[in-house]
């Protein structure tokens, strides 16, 4: 649970910065460089512990609709983050400290918030269906 909180908390801070709603005094590059490594580390821990929980009741989880939704949202969240990191973030020098970030950066932030909220809700819902 701590790992999930760290994943969502760190990525939400980055996302809110991309939307211009938090940490606006800091350059985007600084927020990303300081928080994203924590996000990945926590994600690895969450994935390992989640795999442990999954193997304990795999047959029940596989048919669980909430778990299936979670498994659809996770790759979408990953693809969104990868696109941001490898495409949008490449031009950060041009908009790093501007008030109004480019539309692709704002879309990435909003999509990430929605996708990770969906992952968390589906994960919590999973336990109530089994």
Protein backbone atom coordinates (compact mmCIF):
# COMPACT_ATOMS: atom_id res chain seq x y z
CA UNK A 1 0.00 0.00 0.00
CA UNK A 2 2.90 2.37 0.76
CA UNK A 3 4.40 1.69 -2.67
CA UNK A 4 1.11 2.52 -4.42
CA UNK A 5 0.82 5.73 -2.40
CA UNK A 6 4.33 6.71 -3.44
CA UNK A 7 3.68 5.86 -7.10
CA UNK A 8 0.46 7.83 -7.25
CA UNK A 9 1.66 10.67 -5.03
CA UNK A 10 4.85 11.28 -6.96
CA UNK A 11 3.30 10.99 -10.39
CA UNK A 12 0.32 13.13 -9.35
CA UNK A 13 2.71 15.90 -8.33
CA UNK A 14 4.36 15.75 -11.76
CA UNK A 15 0.95 15.67 -13.46
CA UNK A 16 -0.35 18.62 -11.46
CA UNK A 17 2.81 20.55 -12.41
CA UNK A 18 2.14 19.77 -16.06
CA UNK A 19 -1.38 21.11 -15.62
CA UNK A 20 -0.06 24.25 -13.91
CA UNK A 21 -1.86 23.44 -10.65
CA UNK A 22 1.06 22.63 -8.33
CA UNK A 23 4.77 23.34 -7.91
CA UNK A 24 4.57 26.12 -10.49
CA UNK A 25 7.62 27.85 -8.98
CA UNK A 26 9.78 24.93 -10.06
CA UNK A 27 10.86 24.12 -13.62
CA UNK A 28 9.14 21.06 -15.05
CA UNK A 29 12.50 19.42 -15.67
CA UNK A 30 13.43 19.71 -12.00
CA UNK A 31 10.12 18.24 -10.81
CA UNK A 32 10.40 15.37 -13.28
CA UNK A 33 14.05 14.60 -12.50
CA UNK A 34 13.45 14.56 -8.75
CA UNK A 35 10.17 12.64 -8.62
CA UNK A 36 10.08 10.20 -11.54
CA UNK A 37 12.92 8.01 -10.17
CA UNK A 38 10.87 7.63 -6.97
CA UNK A 39 7.86 6.73 -9.09
CA UNK A 40 9.73 3.96 -10.90
CA UNK A 41 11.28 2.57 -7.70
CA UNK A 42 7.91 2.47 -5.97
CA UNK A 43 6.31 0.96 -9.08
CA UNK A 44 8.83 -1.91 -9.02
CA UNK A 45 8.02 -2.60 -5.36
CA UNK A 46 4.27 -2.40 -6.05
CA UNK A 47 4.60 -4.75 -9.04
CA UNK A 48 6.55 -7.33 -7.02
CA UNK A 49 4.11 -7.28 -4.10
CA UNK A 50 1.15 -7.22 -6.50
CA UNK A 51 2.49 -10.25 -8.29
CA UNK A 52 2.75 -12.01 -4.94
CA UNK A 53 -0.89 -11.21 -4.21
CA UNK A 54 -1.93 -12.28 -7.71
CA UNK A 55 -0.32 -15.73 -7.55
CA UNK A 56 -2.12 -16.44 -4.28
CA UNK A 57 -5.51 -16.37 -6.05
CA UNK A 58 -4.72 -16.17 -9.75
CA UNK A 59 -7.81 -18.05 -10.91
CA UNK A 60 -10.07 -15.64 -9.06
CA UNK A 61 -8.28 -12.51 -10.22
CA UNK A 62 -8.20 -13.50 -13.89
CA UNK A 63 -12.00 -13.56 -14.11
CA UNK A 64 -12.48 -10.47 -11.92
CA UNK A 65 -13.78 -7.56 -14.07
CA UNK A 66 -12.14 -4.93 -11.85
CA UNK A 67 -8.79 -6.71 -12.16
CA UNK A 68 -9.24 -6.89 -15.93
CA UNK A 69 -9.90 -3.14 -16.03
CA UNK A 70 -6.78 -2.54 -13.96
CA UNK A 71 -4.74 -4.67 -16.37
CA UNK A 72 -6.04 -2.60 -19.29
CA UNK A 73 -5.31 0.74 -17.61
CA UNK A 74 -1.76 -0.08 -16.48
CA UNK A 75 -0.32 -0.41 -20.02
CA UNK A 76 -2.16 2.74 -21.07
CA UNK A 77 -0.62 4.63 -18.14
CA UNK A 78 2.79 3.24 -19.09
CA UNK A 79 2.36 4.23 -22.76
CA UNK A 80 1.27 7.73 -21.73
CA UNK A 81 4.33 8.10 -19.52
CA UNK A 82 6.67 6.68 -22.17
CA UNK A 83 5.27 9.02 -24.83
CA UNK A 84 5.71 11.97 -22.49
CA UNK A 85 9.27 10.97 -21.53
CA UNK A 86 10.52 10.16 -25.02
CA UNK A 87 8.56 12.61 -27.18
CA UNK A 88 7.02 15.54 -25.30
CA UNK A 89 9.72 15.97 -22.64
CA UNK A 90 12.44 16.19 -25.30
CA UNK A 91 11.42 19.79 -25.97
CA UNK A 92 11.30 20.76 -22.28
CA UNK A 93 14.05 23.37 -22.73
CA UNK A 94 11.60 25.47 -24.76
CA UNK A 95 8.82 25.45 -22.14
CA UNK A 96 10.48 24.42 -18.88
CA UNK A 97 9.68 27.58 -16.92
CA UNK A 98 6.74 28.99 -18.88
CA UNK A 99 3.38 29.46 -17.20
CA UNK A 100 1.37 27.93 -20.01
CA UNK A 101 2.81 24.56 -20.93
CA UNK A 102 2.24 23.12 -24.41
CA UNK A 103 -0.93 21.15 -25.01
CA UNK A 104 0.82 17.75 -25.32
CA UNK A 105 2.34 18.20 -21.85
CA UNK A 106 -1.00 19.18 -20.34
CA UNK A 107 -2.78 16.30 -22.06
CA UNK A 108 -0.14 13.88 -20.76
CA UNK A 109 -0.64 15.20 -17.22
CA UNK A 110 -4.43 14.98 -17.38
CA UNK A 111 -4.38 11.52 -18.97
CA UNK A 112 -1.93 10.29 -16.36
CA UNK A 113 -4.07 11.54 -13.49
CA UNK A 114 -7.15 9.84 -14.92
CA UNK A 115 -5.38 6.60 -15.76
CA UNK A 116 -3.68 6.24 -12.37
CA UNK A 117 -6.92 7.10 -10.56
CA UNK A 118 -8.57 4.34 -12.59
CA UNK A 119 -5.79 1.90 -11.70
CA UNK A 120 -6.17 2.66 -7.99
CA UNK A 121 -9.98 2.46 -8.03
CA UNK A 122 -9.96 -0.76 -10.04
CA UNK A 123 -7.35 -2.22 -7.69
CA UNK A 124 -9.41 -1.40 -4.63
CA UNK A 125 -12.59 -2.64 -6.32
CA UNK A 126 -10.86 -5.95 -7.15
CA UNK A 127 -10.80 -6.99 -3.51
CA UNK A 128 -14.51 -6.39 -3.11
CA UNK A 129 -15.56 -8.56 -6.02
CA UNK A 130 -13.64 -11.75 -5.20
